[in-house]
Amino acid sequence: MGQMIWDAEFLNIDLCMKNMFREPKPAKTIIETYGCFAFHAGMISMGCPTPLDTHPLHGEMPCASMDQAWLEIDSDRITLK
């Protein structure tokens, strides 16, 4: 969903916030499964609360189902695609 990174640790330090979710669950809005370390937000709109923006909070991408995902590993970076 939305290319979520659900867990992250660096030098034995957990970088994630504490939350009630142990893993991502299929959801229609990010607040139904909030707790991931990182996610892609809206591509169309961010869902900022204004009368002109009716998109869900943080946009449509966080809960979008993905057809495929992979890591590209180079000598100096790791990229999630």
Protein backbone atom coordinates (compact mmCIF):
# COMPACT_ATOMS: atom_id res chain seq x y z
CA MET A 1 0.00 0.00 0.00
CA GLY A 2 1.39 3.36 -1.04
CA GLN A 3 4.94 2.02 -0.89
CA MET A 4 4.82 2.04 2.90
CA ILE A 5 8.00 1.34 4.80
CA TRP A 6 6.64 -0.26 7.91
CA ASP A 7 9.79 -0.82 9.95
CA ALA A 8 13.15 0.94 10.09
CA GLU A 9 16.15 0.49 12.36
CA PHE A 10 19.60 2.09 12.28
CA LEU A 11 22.51 1.11 14.54
CA ASN A 12 20.08 -0.93 16.68
CA ILE A 13 17.83 2.10 17.19
CA ASP A 14 14.18 1.76 16.21
CA LEU A 15 13.32 4.79 14.06
CA CYS A 16 9.58 4.16 14.03
CA MET A 17 6.93 5.78 16.15
CA LYS A 18 5.04 3.64 18.62
CA ASN A 19 1.49 2.82 17.60
CA MET A 20 -1.26 0.27 18.01
CA PHE A 21 -0.65 -1.41 14.65
CA ARG A 22 1.94 -4.18 14.30
CA GLU A 23 1.73 -4.32 10.53
CA PRO A 24 -0.11 -2.55 7.72
CA LYS A 25 -3.73 -3.53 7.22
CA PRO A 26 -5.75 -2.92 4.06
CA ALA A 27 -7.56 0.38 4.56
CA LYS A 28 -9.28 3.18 2.66
CA THR A 29 -7.59 6.02 4.60
CA ILE A 30 -4.17 6.27 6.23
CA ILE A 31 -5.63 6.89 9.68
CA GLU A 32 -7.14 3.38 9.62
CA THR A 33 -3.67 1.83 9.56
CA TYR A 34 -1.41 4.73 10.62
CA GLY A 35 1.92 3.84 12.14
CA CYS A 36 4.26 3.15 9.25
CA PHE A 37 7.72 4.75 9.15
CA ALA A 38 7.16 6.33 5.74
CA PHE A 39 4.67 6.36 2.90
CA HIS A 40 3.98 8.16 -0.35
CA ALA A 41 1.31 10.81 0.10
CA GLY A 42 -1.09 12.29 -2.43
CA MET A 43 -0.15 12.74 -6.06
CA ILE A 44 -3.37 14.58 -6.91
CA SER A 45 -3.88 16.38 -3.60
CA MET A 46 -2.74 16.11 0.01
CA GLY A 47 -6.17 16.17 1.60
CA CYS A 48 -5.48 19.38 3.49
CA PRO A 49 -8.67 20.46 5.24
CA THR A 50 -10.17 23.19 3.09
CA PRO A 51 -13.57 23.53 1.44
CA LEU A 52 -11.87 23.04 -1.95
CA ASP A 53 -10.03 19.80 -1.10
CA THR A 54 -12.20 16.72 -0.66
CA HIS A 55 -9.39 14.16 -0.94
CA PRO A 56 -8.69 11.90 2.07
CA LEU A 57 -6.13 13.08 4.64
CA HIS A 58 -2.61 12.68 3.18
CA GLY A 59 -4.06 12.07 -0.27
CA GLU A 60 -4.89 8.93 -2.21
CA MET A 61 -1.47 7.22 -2.35
CA PRO A 62 -0.92 5.91 1.21
CA CYS A 63 -3.59 3.23 0.82
CA ALA A 64 -3.27 2.61 -2.91
CA SER A 65 -2.67 -1.02 -3.76
CA MET A 66 0.60 -1.61 -5.60
CA ASP A 67 0.98 -3.96 -8.56
CA GLN A 68 4.66 -4.46 -7.83
CA ALA A 69 7.48 -3.03 -5.75
CA TRP A 70 11.22 -3.63 -5.58
CA LEU A 71 14.50 -2.34 -4.17
CA GLU A 72 17.34 -1.05 -6.31
CA ILE A 73 20.65 -1.33 -4.47
CA ASP A 74 23.68 0.68 -5.59
CA SER A 75 27.02 1.22 -3.90
CA ASP A 76 25.80 4.38 -2.14
CA ARG A 77 21.99 4.08 -1.90
CA ILE A 78 18.93 1.88 -1.69
CA THR A 79 15.89 3.00 -3.65
CA LEU A 80 12.36 1.70 -3.24
CA LYS A 81 10.51 1.60 -6.56
